[in-house]
Amino acid sequence: MNKYTELSDFEINLKVAHLVLGVESYDWCPHSKIVKKYVTDDKGLCMDYDPCNNPSDAMPIIIESNISLRAPTITDRWKAEFIDEYGNYVGYRRALNKNPLRAAMELFLLMKDAENEG
């Protein structure tokens, strides 16, 4: 069961930022619902961080995590899936969403949950 489907993009981005960037490397605004990543060490310069919608934020995570994306076929949703490096379906996980980057970020969080459980 994918517990992330009901969360907003902002909530997913915040969870991904915590895991990928680290606690000291991002900030967020509850009113504007924007996550910002620090670009400099002094925390003076920052950029929007939106892996649910920005390929430059999402693709490094997708590539490093070996997440595969499949275009919609029978359904109108993209499928993000993980199969281990040997092509085995042991621990197979997937996420479906109309937005392929959002599906990949949901799957990334599911994969991290599994790592923490095991």
PDB file of N, CA and C in Angstrom:
ATOM      1  N   MET A   1       0.844  -1.177   0.000  1.00  0.00           N
ATOM      2  CA  MET A   1       0.000   0.000   0.000  1.00  0.00           C
ATOM      3  C   MET A   1       0.892   1.243   0.000  1.00  0.00           C
ATOM      4  N   ASN A   2       0.601   2.183  -0.856  1.00  0.00           N
ATOM      5  CA  ASN A   2       1.371   3.406  -0.967  1.00  0.00           C
ATOM      6  C   ASN A   2       0.743   4.477  -0.075  1.00  0.00           C
ATOM      7  N   LYS A   3       1.378   4.732   1.040  1.00  0.00           N
ATOM      8  CA  LYS A   3       0.834   5.702   1.993  1.00  0.00           C
ATOM      9  C   LYS A   3       1.105   7.146   1.591  1.00  0.00           C
ATOM     10  N   TYR A   4       1.808   7.359   0.487  1.00  0.00           N
ATOM     11  CA  TYR A   4       2.167   8.705   0.069  1.00  0.00           C
ATOM     12  C   TYR A   4       1.217   9.304  -0.963  1.00  0.00           C
ATOM     13  N   THR A   5       0.274   8.538  -1.468  1.00  0.00           N
ATOM     14  CA  THR A   5      -0.609   9.027  -2.524  1.00  0.00           C
ATOM     15  C   THR A   5      -1.485  10.186  -2.071  1.00  0.00           C
ATOM     16  N   GLU A   6      -1.808  10.251  -0.806  1.00  0.00           N
ATOM     17  CA  GLU A   6      -2.704  11.297  -0.302  1.00  0.00           C
ATOM     18  C   GLU A   6      -1.972  12.575   0.088  1.00  0.00           C
ATOM     19  N   LEU A   7      -0.647  12.563   0.063  1.00  0.00           N
ATOM     20  CA  LEU A   7       0.117  13.747   0.438  1.00  0.00           C
ATOM     21  C   LEU A   7       0.212  14.727  -0.725  1.00  0.00           C
ATOM     22  N   SER A   8       0.382  15.990  -0.413  1.00  0.00           N
ATOM     23  CA  SER A   8       0.564  17.006  -1.443  1.00  0.00           C
ATOM     24  C   SER A   8       1.992  16.941  -1.992  1.00  0.00           C
ATOM     25  N   ASP A   9       2.211  17.577  -3.137  1.00  0.00           N
ATOM     26  CA  ASP A   9       3.571  17.654  -3.675  1.00  0.00           C
ATOM     27  C   ASP A   9       4.505  18.312  -2.663  1.00  0.00           C
ATOM     28  N   PHE A  10       4.037  19.354  -1.998  1.00  0.00           N
ATOM     29  CA  PHE A  10       4.842  20.032  -0.991  1.00  0.00           C
ATOM     30  C   PHE A  10       5.287  19.062   0.103  1.00  0.00           C
ATOM     31  N   GLU A  11       4.366  18.244   0.602  1.00  0.00           N
ATOM     32  CA  GLU A  11       4.701  17.290   1.663  1.00  0.00           C
ATOM     33  C   GLU A  11       5.701  16.246   1.175  1.00  0.00           C
ATOM     34  N   ILE A  12       5.533  15.774  -0.061  1.00  0.00           N
ATOM     35  CA  ILE A  12       6.491  14.820  -0.637  1.00  0.00           C
ATOM     36  C   ILE A  12       7.849  15.494  -0.803  1.00  0.00           C
ATOM     37  N   ASN A  13       7.876  16.711  -1.356  1.00  0.00           N
ATOM     38  CA  ASN A  13       9.133  17.434  -1.535  1.00  0.00           C
ATOM     39  C   ASN A  13       9.861  17.626  -0.208  1.00  0.00           C
ATOM     40  N   LEU A  14       9.121  17.914   0.841  1.00  0.00           N
ATOM     41  CA  LEU A  14       9.712  18.123   2.158  1.00  0.00           C
ATOM     42  C   LEU A  14      10.344  16.831   2.683  1.00  0.00           C
ATOM     43  N   LYS A  15       9.655  15.723   2.535  1.00  0.00           N
ATOM     44  CA  LYS A  15      10.198  14.435   2.974  1.00  0.00           C
ATOM     45  C   LYS A  15      11.439  14.046   2.165  1.00  0.00           C
ATOM     46  N   VAL A  16      11.394  14.271   0.861  1.00  0.00           N
ATOM     47  CA  VAL A  16      12.549  13.953   0.007  1.00  0.00           C
ATOM     48  C   VAL A  16      13.727  14.855   0.372  1.00  0.00           C
ATOM     49  N   ALA A  17      13.475  16.136   0.590  1.00  0.00           N
ATOM     50  CA  ALA A  17      14.548  17.070   0.964  1.00  0.00           C
ATOM     51  C   ALA A  17      15.231  16.623   2.251  1.00  0.00           C
ATOM     52  N   HIS A  18      14.451  16.179   3.211  1.00  0.00           N
ATOM     53  CA  HIS A  18      15.011  15.719   4.483  1.00  0.00           C
ATOM     54  C   HIS A  18      15.974  14.549   4.273  1.00  0.00           C
ATOM     55  N   LEU A  19      15.592  13.627   3.395  1.00  0.00           N
ATOM     56  CA  LEU A  19      16.426  12.451   3.141  1.00  0.00           C
ATOM     57  C   LEU A  19      17.618  12.740   2.232  1.00  0.00           C
ATOM     58  N   VAL A  20      17.416  13.526   1.204  1.00  0.00           N
ATOM     59  CA  VAL A  20      18.443  13.743   0.183  1.00  0.00           C
ATOM     60  C   VAL A  20      19.388  14.886   0.548  1.00  0.00           C
ATOM     61  N   LEU A  21      18.832  15.991   1.004  1.00  0.00           N
ATOM     62  CA  LEU A  21      19.646  17.176   1.261  1.00  0.00           C
ATOM     63  C   LEU A  21      20.208  17.216   2.679  1.00  0.00           C
ATOM     64  N   GLY A  22      19.499  16.634   3.616  1.00  0.00           N
ATOM     65  CA  GLY A  22      19.916  16.699   5.010  1.00  0.00           C
ATOM     66  C   GLY A  22      19.280  17.885   5.707  1.00  0.00           C
ATOM     67  N   VAL A  23      19.119  17.786   6.987  1.00  0.00           N
ATOM     68  CA  VAL A  23      18.376  18.753   7.786  1.00  0.00           C
ATOM     69  C   VAL A  23      18.917  20.174   7.670  1.00  0.00           C
ATOM     70  N   GLU A  24      20.210  20.343   7.591  1.00  0.00           N
ATOM     71  CA  GLU A  24      20.810  21.679   7.570  1.00  0.00           C
ATOM     72  C   GLU A  24      20.894  22.289   6.175  1.00  0.00           C
ATOM     73  N   SER A  25      20.449  21.584   5.141  1.00  0.00           N
ATOM     74  CA  SER A  25      20.630  22.049   3.768  1.00  0.00           C
ATOM     75  C   SER A  25      19.360  22.520   3.077  1.00  0.00           C
ATOM     76  N   TYR A  26      18.270  22.627   3.811  1.00  0.00           N
ATOM     77  CA  TYR A  26      17.023  23.096   3.212  1.00  0.00           C
ATOM     78  C   TYR A  26      16.182  23.826   4.248  1.00  0.00           C
ATOM     79  N   ASP A  27      15.207  24.540   3.762  1.00  0.00           N
ATOM     80  CA  ASP A  27      14.233  25.205   4.613  1.00  0.00           C
ATOM     81  C   ASP A  27      12.907  25.194   3.863  1.00  0.00           C
ATOM     82  N   TRP A  28      11.843  25.587   4.512  1.00  0.00           N
ATOM     83  CA  TRP A  28      10.540  25.570   3.873  1.00  0.00           C
ATOM     84  C   TRP A  28       9.648  26.634   4.493  1.00  0.00           C
ATOM     85  N   CYS A  29       8.658  27.000   3.733  1.00  0.00           N
ATOM     86  CA  CYS A  29       7.710  28.007   4.180  1.00  0.00           C
ATOM     87  C   CYS A  29       6.315  27.370   4.206  1.00  0.00           C
ATOM     88  N   PRO A  30       5.701  27.302   5.380  1.00  0.00           N
ATOM     89  CA  PRO A  30       4.375  26.674   5.466  1.00  0.00           C
ATOM     90  C   PRO A  30       3.278  27.460   4.746  1.00  0.00           C
ATOM     91  N   HIS A  31       3.464  28.766   4.585  1.00  0.00           N
ATOM     92  CA  HIS A  31       2.434  29.589   3.941  1.00  0.00           C
ATOM     93  C   HIS A  31       2.466  29.459   2.423  1.00  0.00           C
ATOM     94  N   SER A  32       3.672  29.539   1.843  1.00  0.00           N
ATOM     95  CA  SER A  32       3.780  29.451   0.385  1.00  0.00           C
ATOM     96  C   SER A  32       3.913  28.009  -0.094  1.00  0.00           C
ATOM     97  N   LYS A  33       4.165  27.093   0.851  1.00  0.00           N
ATOM     98  CA  LYS A  33       4.318  25.670   0.533  1.00  0.00           C
ATOM     99  C   LYS A  33       5.431  25.443  -0.487  1.00  0.00           C
ATOM    100  N   ILE A  34       6.582  26.060  -0.226  1.00  0.00           N
ATOM    101  CA  ILE A  34       7.763  25.924  -1.076  1.00  0.00           C
ATOM    102  C   ILE A  34       8.925  25.421  -0.239  1.00  0.00           C
ATOM    103  N   VAL A  35       9.645  24.450  -0.770  1.00  0.00           N
ATOM    104  CA  VAL A  35      10.875  23.960  -0.149  1.00  0.00           C
ATOM    105  C   VAL A  35      12.034  24.642  -0.862  1.00  0.00           C
ATOM    106  N   LYS A  36      12.999  25.122  -0.092  1.00  0.00           N
ATOM    107  CA  LYS A  36      14.187  25.794  -0.643  1.00  0.00           C
ATOM    108  C   LYS A  36      15.424  25.021  -0.219  1.00  0.00           C
ATOM    109  N   LYS A  37      16.348  24.816  -1.179  1.00  0.00           N
ATOM    110  CA  LYS A  37      17.629  24.202  -0.832  1.00  0.00           C
ATOM    111  C   LYS A  37      18.683  25.299  -0.825  1.00  0.00           C
ATOM    112  N   TYR A  38      19.576  25.218   0.151  1.00  0.00           N
ATOM    113  CA  TYR A  38      20.652  26.192   0.247  1.00  0.00           C
ATOM    114  C   TYR A  38      21.705  25.880  -0.800  1.00  0.00           C
ATOM    115  N   VAL A  39      22.169  26.913  -1.482  1.00  0.00           N
ATOM    116  CA  VAL A  39      23.175  26.768  -2.525  1.00  0.00           C
ATOM    117  C   VAL A  39      24.559  27.120  -1.985  1.00  0.00           C
ATOM    118  N   THR A  40      24.599  27.927  -0.951  1.00  0.00           N
ATOM    119  CA  THR A  40      25.867  28.317  -0.339  1.00  0.00           C
ATOM    120  C   THR A  40      25.888  27.863   1.117  1.00  0.00           C
ATOM    121  N   ASP A  41      27.081  27.722   1.664  1.00  0.00           N
ATOM    122  CA  ASP A  41      27.220  27.263   3.048  1.00  0.00           C
ATOM    123  C   ASP A  41      26.678  28.261   4.066  1.00  0.00           C
ATOM    124  N   ASP A  42      26.689  29.542   3.735  1.00  0.00           N
ATOM    125  CA  ASP A  42      26.221  30.544   4.700  1.00  0.00           C
ATOM    126  C   ASP A  42      24.692  30.673   4.719  1.00  0.00           C
ATOM    127  N   LYS A  43      24.007  29.841   3.943  1.00  0.00           N
ATOM    128  CA  LYS A  43      22.537  29.792   3.880  1.00  0.00           C
ATOM    129  C   LYS A  43      21.923  31.085   3.358  1.00  0.00           C
ATOM    130  N   GLY A  44      22.726  31.893   2.672  1.00  0.00           N
ATOM    131  CA  GLY A  44      22.217  33.148   2.136  1.00  0.00           C
ATOM    132  C   GLY A  44      21.540  32.985   0.791  1.00  0.00           C
ATOM    133  N   LEU A  45      22.036  32.093  -0.018  1.00  0.00           N
ATOM    134  CA  LEU A  45      21.479  31.888  -1.353  1.00  0.00           C
ATOM    135  C   LEU A  45      20.751  30.548  -1.379  1.00  0.00           C
ATOM    136  N   CYS A  46      19.523  30.567  -1.892  1.00  0.00           N
ATOM    137  CA  CYS A  46      18.764  29.324  -1.959  1.00  0.00           C
ATOM    138  C   CYS A  46      17.970  29.270  -3.260  1.00  0.00           C
ATOM    139  N   MET A  47      17.544  28.055  -3.607  1.00  0.00           N
ATOM    140  CA  MET A  47      16.764  27.807  -4.820  1.00  0.00           C
ATOM    141  C   MET A  47      15.578  26.931  -4.455  1.00  0.00           C
ATOM    142  N   ASP A  48      14.506  27.045  -5.236  1.00  0.00           N
ATOM    143  CA  ASP A  48      13.373  26.143  -5.033  1.00  0.00           C
ATOM    144  C   ASP A  48      13.836  24.706  -5.205  1.00  0.00           C
ATOM    145  N   TYR A  49      13.279  23.816  -4.379  1.00  0.00           N
ATOM    146  CA  TYR A  49      13.568  22.393  -4.479  1.00  0.00           C
ATOM    147  C   TYR A  49      12.235  21.686  -4.673  1.00  0.00           C
ATOM    148  N   ASP A  50      12.038  21.120  -5.869  1.00  0.00           N
ATOM    149  CA  ASP A  50      10.742  20.554  -6.236  1.00  0.00           C
ATOM    150  C   ASP A  50      10.919  19.273  -7.049  1.00  0.00           C
ATOM    151  N   PRO A  51      11.389  18.189  -6.420  1.00  0.00           N
ATOM    152  CA  PRO A  51      11.603  16.954  -7.186  1.00  0.00           C
ATOM    153  C   PRO A  51      10.322  16.337  -7.738  1.00  0.00           C
ATOM    154  N   CYS A  52       9.164  16.723  -7.237  1.00  0.00           N
ATOM    155  CA  CYS A  52       7.910  16.210  -7.793  1.00  0.00           C
ATOM    156  C   CYS A  52       7.604  16.810  -9.170  1.00  0.00           C
ATOM    157  N   ASN A  53       8.234  17.942  -9.493  1.00  0.00           N
ATOM    158  CA  ASN A  53       7.911  18.623 -10.738  1.00  0.00           C
ATOM    159  C   ASN A  53       9.112  19.122 -11.529  1.00  0.00           C
ATOM    160  N   ASN A  54      10.292  19.127 -10.949  1.00  0.00           N
ATOM    161  CA  ASN A  54      11.474  19.657 -11.602  1.00  0.00           C
ATOM    162  C   ASN A  54      12.453  18.517 -11.917  1.00  0.00           C
ATOM    163  N   PRO A  55      12.655  18.216 -13.194  1.00  0.00           N
ATOM    164  CA  PRO A  55      13.557  17.113 -13.565  1.00  0.00           C
ATOM    165  C   PRO A  55      14.989  17.281 -13.035  1.00  0.00           C
ATOM    166  N   SER A  56      15.475  18.516 -12.933  1.00  0.00           N
ATOM    167  CA  SER A  56      16.850  18.687 -12.446  1.00  0.00           C
ATOM    168  C   SER A  56      16.976  18.319 -10.971  1.00  0.00           C
ATOM    169  N   ASP A  57      15.899  18.369 -10.212  1.00  0.00           N
ATOM    170  CA  ASP A  57      15.915  17.908  -8.822  1.00  0.00           C
ATOM    171  C   ASP A  57      15.639  16.407  -8.728  1.00  0.00           C
ATOM    172  N   ALA A  58      14.785  15.904  -9.609  1.00  0.00           N
ATOM    173  CA  ALA A  58      14.350  14.503  -9.525  1.00  0.00           C
ATOM    174  C   ALA A  58      15.313  13.505 -10.152  1.00  0.00           C
ATOM    175  N   MET A  59      15.897  13.850 -11.298  1.00  0.00           N
ATOM    176  CA  MET A  59      16.684  12.849 -12.035  1.00  0.00           C
ATOM    177  C   MET A  59      17.885  12.297 -11.268  1.00  0.00           C
ATOM    178  N   PRO A  60      18.631  13.091 -10.509  1.00  0.00           N
ATOM    179  CA  PRO A  60      19.717  12.477  -9.739  1.00  0.00           C
ATOM    180  C   PRO A  60      19.213  11.412  -8.755  1.00  0.00           C
ATOM    181  N   ILE A  61      18.049  11.643  -8.161  1.00  0.00           N
ATOM    182  CA  ILE A  61      17.459  10.668  -7.236  1.00  0.00           C
ATOM    183  C   ILE A  61      17.018   9.425  -8.001  1.00  0.00           C
ATOM    184  N   ILE A  62      16.368   9.617  -9.129  1.00  0.00           N
ATOM    185  CA  ILE A  62      15.885   8.504  -9.952  1.00  0.00           C
ATOM    186  C   ILE A  62      17.055   7.637 -10.410  1.00  0.00           C
ATOM    187  N   ILE A  63      18.107   8.272 -10.896  1.00  0.00           N
ATOM    188  CA  ILE A  63      19.271   7.525 -11.403  1.00  0.00           C
ATOM    189  C   ILE A  63      19.990   6.809 -10.273  1.00  0.00           C
ATOM    190  N   GLU A  64      20.270   7.509  -9.181  1.00  0.00           N
ATOM    191  CA  GLU A  64      21.004   6.903  -8.063  1.00  0.00           C
ATOM    192  C   GLU A  64      20.229   5.756  -7.420  1.00  0.00           C
ATOM    193  N   SER A  65      18.916   5.841  -7.436  1.00  0.00           N
ATOM    194  CA  SER A  65      18.071   4.831  -6.792  1.00  0.00           C
ATOM    195  C   SER A  65      17.646   3.714  -7.735  1.00  0.00           C
ATOM    196  N   ASN A  66      18.085   3.775  -8.998  1.00  0.00           N
ATOM    197  CA  ASN A  66      17.716   2.763  -9.995  1.00  0.00           C
ATOM    198  C   ASN A  66      16.205   2.620 -10.140  1.00  0.00           C
ATOM    199  N   ILE A  67      15.538   3.744 -10.210  1.00  0.00           N
ATOM    200  CA  ILE A  67      14.086   3.754 -10.395  1.00  0.00           C
ATOM    201  C   ILE A  67      13.793   3.748 -11.891  1.00  0.00           C
ATOM    202  N   SER A  68      12.918   2.860 -12.299  1.00  0.00           N
ATOM    203  CA  SER A  68      12.492   2.790 -13.700  1.00  0.00           C
ATOM    204  C   SER A  68      11.137   3.460 -13.843  1.00  0.00           C
ATOM    205  N   LEU A  69      10.965   4.172 -14.952  1.00  0.00           N
ATOM    206  CA  LEU A  69       9.686   4.806 -15.257  1.00  0.00           C
ATOM    207  C   LEU A  69       9.101   4.166 -16.508  1.00  0.00           C
ATOM    208  N   ARG A  70       7.817   3.842 -16.437  1.00  0.00           N
ATOM    209  CA  ARG A  70       7.109   3.295 -17.599  1.00  0.00           C
ATOM    210  C   ARG A  70       5.970   4.221 -17.968  1.00  0.00           C
ATOM    211  N   ALA A  71       5.878   4.497 -19.264  1.00  0.00           N
ATOM    212  CA  ALA A  71       4.815   5.370 -19.763  1.00  0.00           C
ATOM    213  C   ALA A  71       3.457   4.706 -19.565  1.00  0.00           C
ATOM    214  N   PRO A  72       2.407   5.512 -19.484  1.00  0.00           N
ATOM    215  CA  PRO A  72       1.061   4.961 -19.313  1.00  0.00           C
ATOM    216  C   PRO A  72       0.682   4.030 -20.476  1.00  0.00           C
ATOM    217  N   THR A  73       0.052   2.934 -20.134  1.00  0.00           N
ATOM    218  CA  THR A  73      -0.448   2.013 -21.150  1.00  0.00           C
ATOM    219  C   THR A  73      -1.947   1.846 -20.941  1.00  0.00           C
ATOM    220  N   ILE A  74      -2.337   0.864 -20.162  1.00  0.00           N
ATOM    221  CA  ILE A  74      -3.760   0.607 -19.924  1.00  0.00           C
ATOM    222  C   ILE A  74      -4.376   1.719 -19.084  1.00  0.00           C
ATOM    223  N   THR A  75      -3.643   2.173 -18.084  1.00  0.00           N
ATOM    224  CA  THR A  75      -4.149   3.262 -17.251  1.00  0.00           C
ATOM    225  C   THR A  75      -3.584   4.576 -17.766  1.00  0.00           C
ATOM    226  N   ASP A  76      -4.026   5.654 -17.209  1.00  0.00           N
ATOM    227  CA  ASP A  76      -3.511   6.958 -17.617  1.00  0.00           C
ATOM    228  C   ASP A  76      -2.426   7.451 -16.658  1.00  0.00           C
ATOM    229  N   ARG A  77      -1.804   6.511 -15.942  1.00  0.00           N
ATOM    230  CA  ARG A  77      -0.799   6.889 -14.952  1.00  0.00           C
ATOM    231  C   ARG A  77       0.568   6.306 -15.302  1.00  0.00           C
ATOM    232  N   TRP A  78       1.611   7.049 -14.964  1.00  0.00           N
ATOM    233  CA  TRP A  78       2.976   6.567 -15.101  1.00  0.00           C
ATOM    234  C   TRP A  78       3.260   5.592 -13.972  1.00  0.00           C
ATOM    235  N   LYS A  79       4.124   4.632 -14.241  1.00  0.00           N
ATOM    236  CA  LYS A  79       4.529   3.670 -13.224  1.00  0.00           C
ATOM    237  C   LYS A  79       6.010   3.875 -12.923  1.00  0.00           C
ATOM    238  N   ALA A  80       6.312   4.067 -11.654  1.00  0.00           N
ATOM    239  CA  ALA A  80       7.691   4.076 -11.186  1.00  0.00           C
ATOM    240  C   ALA A  80       7.875   2.755 -10.450  1.00  0.00           C
ATOM    241  N   GLU A  81       8.948   2.040 -10.784  1.00  0.00           N
ATOM    242  CA  GLU A  81       9.148   0.746 -10.133  1.00  0.00           C
ATOM    243  C   GLU A  81      10.615   0.506  -9.838  1.00  0.00           C
ATOM    244  N   PHE A  82      10.840  -0.377  -8.885  1.00  0.00           N
ATOM    245  CA  PHE A  82      12.193  -0.759  -8.505  1.00  0.00           C
ATOM    246  C   PHE A  82      12.296  -2.277  -8.553  1.00  0.00           C
ATOM    247  N   ILE A  83      13.310  -2.723  -9.253  1.00  0.00           N
ATOM    248  CA  ILE A  83      13.681  -4.135  -9.293  1.00  0.00           C
ATOM    249  C   ILE A  83      15.154  -4.167  -8.933  1.00  0.00           C
ATOM    250  N   ASP A  84      15.585  -5.118  -8.130  1.00  0.00           N
ATOM    251  CA  ASP A  84      16.982  -5.088  -7.680  1.00  0.00           C
ATOM    252  C   ASP A  84      17.959  -5.182  -8.846  1.00  0.00           C
ATOM    253  N   GLU A  85      19.232  -4.964  -8.542  1.00  0.00           N
ATOM    254  CA  GLU A  85      20.262  -4.874  -9.585  1.00  0.00           C
ATOM    255  C   GLU A  85      20.443  -6.158 -10.392  1.00  0.00           C
ATOM    256  N   TYR A  86      19.885  -7.252  -9.919  1.00  0.00           N
ATOM    257  CA  TYR A  86      19.984  -8.520 -10.645  1.00  0.00           C
ATOM    258  C   TYR A  86      18.726  -8.819 -11.458  1.00  0.00           C
ATOM    259  N   GLY A  87      17.782  -7.882 -11.465  1.00  0.00           N
ATOM    260  CA  GLY A  87      16.543  -8.082 -12.204  1.00  0.00           C
ATOM    261  C   GLY A  87      15.519  -8.893 -11.447  1.00  0.00           C
ATOM    262  N   ASN A  88      15.753  -9.109 -10.160  1.00  0.00           N
ATOM    263  CA  ASN A  88      14.829  -9.885  -9.341  1.00  0.00           C
ATOM    264  C   ASN A  88      13.679  -9.027  -8.849  1.00  0.00           C
ATOM    265  N   TYR A  89      12.538  -9.624  -8.714  1.00  0.00           N
ATOM    266  CA  TYR A  89      11.367  -8.922  -8.222  1.00  0.00           C
ATOM    267  C   TYR A  89      11.224  -9.041  -6.709  1.00  0.00           C
ATOM    268  N   VAL A  90      12.255  -9.558  -6.043  1.00  0.00           N
ATOM    269  CA  VAL A  90      12.224  -9.636  -4.587  1.00  0.00           C
ATOM    270  C   VAL A  90      12.245  -8.208  -4.058  1.00  0.00           C
ATOM    271  N   GLY A  91      11.306  -7.882  -3.223  1.00  0.00           N
ATOM    272  CA  GLY A  91      11.224  -6.522  -2.708  1.00  0.00           C
ATOM    273  C   GLY A  91      10.683  -5.537  -3.726  1.00  0.00           C
ATOM    274  N   TYR A  92      10.001  -6.045  -4.755  1.00  0.00           N
ATOM    275  CA  TYR A  92       9.440  -5.187  -5.807  1.00  0.00           C
ATOM    276  C   TYR A  92       8.519  -4.139  -5.202  1.00  0.00           C
ATOM    277  N   ARG A  93       8.706  -2.913  -5.645  1.00  0.00           N
ATOM    278  CA  ARG A  93       7.850  -1.817  -5.213  1.00  0.00           C
ATOM    279  C   ARG A  93       7.479  -0.974  -6.425  1.00  0.00           C
ATOM    280  N   ARG A  94       6.328  -0.309  -6.342  1.00  0.00           N
ATOM    281  CA  ARG A  94       5.921   0.551  -7.445  1.00  0.00           C
ATOM    282  C   ARG A  94       5.037   1.673  -6.917  1.00  0.00           C
ATOM    283  N   ALA A  95       4.947   2.717  -7.716  1.00  0.00           N
ATOM    284  CA  ALA A  95       4.045   3.832  -7.437  1.00  0.00           C
ATOM    285  C   ALA A  95       3.465   4.288  -8.765  1.00  0.00           C
ATOM    286  N   LEU A  96       2.211   4.677  -8.759  1.00  0.00           N
ATOM    287  CA  LEU A  96       1.516   5.120  -9.960  1.00  0.00           C
ATOM    288  C   LEU A  96       1.038   6.556  -9.778  1.00  0.00           C
ATOM    289  N   ASN A  97       1.223   7.373 -10.809  1.00  0.00           N
ATOM    290  CA  ASN A  97       0.755   8.751 -10.750  1.00  0.00           C
ATOM    291  C   ASN A  97       0.707   9.321 -12.163  1.00  0.00           C
ATOM    292  N   LYS A  98      -0.153  10.290 -12.390  1.00  0.00           N
ATOM    293  CA  LYS A  98      -0.201  10.941 -13.701  1.00  0.00           C
ATOM    294  C   LYS A  98       1.077  11.719 -13.986  1.00  0.00           C
ATOM    295  N   ASN A  99       1.784  12.115 -12.937  1.00  0.00           N
ATOM    296  CA  ASN A  99       3.048  12.833 -13.045  1.00  0.00           C
ATOM    297  C   ASN A  99       4.187  11.832 -12.807  1.00  0.00           C
ATOM    298  N   PRO A 100       5.046  11.572 -13.798  1.00  0.00           N
ATOM    299  CA  PRO A 100       6.095  10.564 -13.623  1.00  0.00           C
ATOM    300  C   PRO A 100       7.094  10.910 -12.528  1.00  0.00           C
ATOM    301  N   LEU A 101       7.417  12.179 -12.354  1.00  0.00           N
ATOM    302  CA  LEU A 101       8.369  12.556 -11.313  1.00  0.00           C
ATOM    303  C   LEU A 101       7.768  12.366  -9.930  1.00  0.00           C
ATOM    304  N   ARG A 102       6.496  12.677  -9.790  1.00  0.00           N
ATOM    305  CA  ARG A 102       5.804  12.461  -8.517  1.00  0.00           C
ATOM    306  C   ARG A 102       5.773  10.962  -8.198  1.00  0.00           C
ATOM    307  N   ALA A 103       5.481  10.124  -9.187  1.00  0.00           N
ATOM    308  CA  ALA A 103       5.483   8.673  -8.970  1.00  0.00           C
ATOM    309  C   ALA A 103       6.854   8.208  -8.503  1.00  0.00           C
ATOM    310  N   ALA A 104       7.898   8.732  -9.116  1.00  0.00           N
ATOM    311  CA  ALA A 104       9.260   8.339  -8.740  1.00  0.00           C
ATOM    312  C   ALA A 104       9.586   8.769  -7.314  1.00  0.00           C
ATOM    313  N   MET A 105       9.136   9.948  -6.899  1.00  0.00           N
ATOM    314  CA  MET A 105       9.427  10.415  -5.536  1.00  0.00           C
ATOM    315  C   MET A 105       8.638   9.612  -4.504  1.00  0.00           C
ATOM    316  N   GLU A 106       7.410   9.235  -4.829  1.00  0.00           N
ATOM    317  CA  GLU A 106       6.656   8.355  -3.928  1.00  0.00           C
ATOM    318  C   GLU A 106       7.391   7.031  -3.767  1.00  0.00           C
ATOM    319  N   LEU A 107       7.862   6.485  -4.881  1.00  0.00           N
ATOM    320  CA  LEU A 107       8.591   5.214  -4.829  1.00  0.00           C
ATOM    321  C   LEU A 107       9.882   5.364  -4.034  1.00  0.00           C
ATOM    322  N   PHE A 108      10.602   6.454  -4.231  1.00  0.00           N
ATOM    323  CA  PHE A 108      11.824   6.702  -3.468  1.00  0.00           C
ATOM    324  C   PHE A 108      11.538   6.650  -1.968  1.00  0.00           C
ATOM    325  N   LEU A 109      10.463   7.291  -1.533  1.00  0.00           N
ATOM    326  CA  LEU A 109      10.111   7.272  -0.112  1.00  0.00           C
ATOM    327  C   LEU A 109       9.723   5.872   0.358  1.00  0.00           C
ATOM    328  N   LEU A 110       9.011   5.127  -0.475  1.00  0.00           N
ATOM    329  CA  LEU A 110       8.671   3.739  -0.132  1.00  0.00           C
ATOM    330  C   LEU A 110       9.930   2.889   0.018  1.00  0.00           C
ATOM    331  N   MET A 111      10.901   3.105  -0.864  1.00  0.00           N
ATOM    332  CA  MET A 111      12.161   2.369  -0.794  1.00  0.00           C
ATOM    333  C   MET A 111      12.913   2.709   0.491  1.00  0.00           C
ATOM    334  N   LYS A 112      12.934   3.964   0.877  1.00  0.00           N
ATOM    335  CA  LYS A 112      13.611   4.379   2.108  1.00  0.00           C
ATOM    336  C   LYS A 112      12.905   3.804   3.331  1.00  0.00           C
ATOM    337  N   ASP A 113      11.571   3.744   3.284  1.00  0.00           N
ATOM    338  CA  ASP A 113      10.820   3.106   4.374  1.00  0.00           C
ATOM    339  C   ASP A 113      11.242   1.652   4.524  1.00  0.00           C
ATOM    340  N   ALA A 114      11.368   0.941   3.413  1.00  0.00           N
ATOM    341  CA  ALA A 114      11.751  -0.470   3.453  1.00  0.00           C
ATOM    342  C   ALA A 114      13.167  -0.645   4.008  1.00  0.00           C
ATOM    343  N   GLU A 115      14.075   0.256   3.645  1.00  0.00           N
ATOM    344  CA  GLU A 115      15.444   0.201   4.166  1.00  0.00           C
ATOM    345  C   GLU A 115      15.437   0.355   5.690  1.00  0.00           C
ATOM    346  N   ASN A 116      14.613   1.269   6.180  1.00  0.00           N
ATOM    347  CA  ASN A 116      14.566   1.532   7.620  1.00  0.00           C
ATOM    348  C   ASN A 116      13.878   0.419   8.400  1.00  0.00           C
ATOM    349  N   GLU A 117      12.994  -0.332   7.726  1.00  0.00           N
ATOM    350  CA  GLU A 117      12.314  -1.449   8.375  1.00  0.00           C
ATOM    351  C   GLU A 117      13.227  -2.661   8.499  1.00  0.00           C
ATOM    352  N   GLY A 118      14.092  -2.840   7.502  1.00  0.00           N
ATOM    353  CA  GLY A 118      14.924  -4.031   7.444  1.00  0.00           C
ATOM    354  C   GLY A 118      16.212  -3.841   8.043  1.00  0.00           C
TER     355      GLY A 118
END
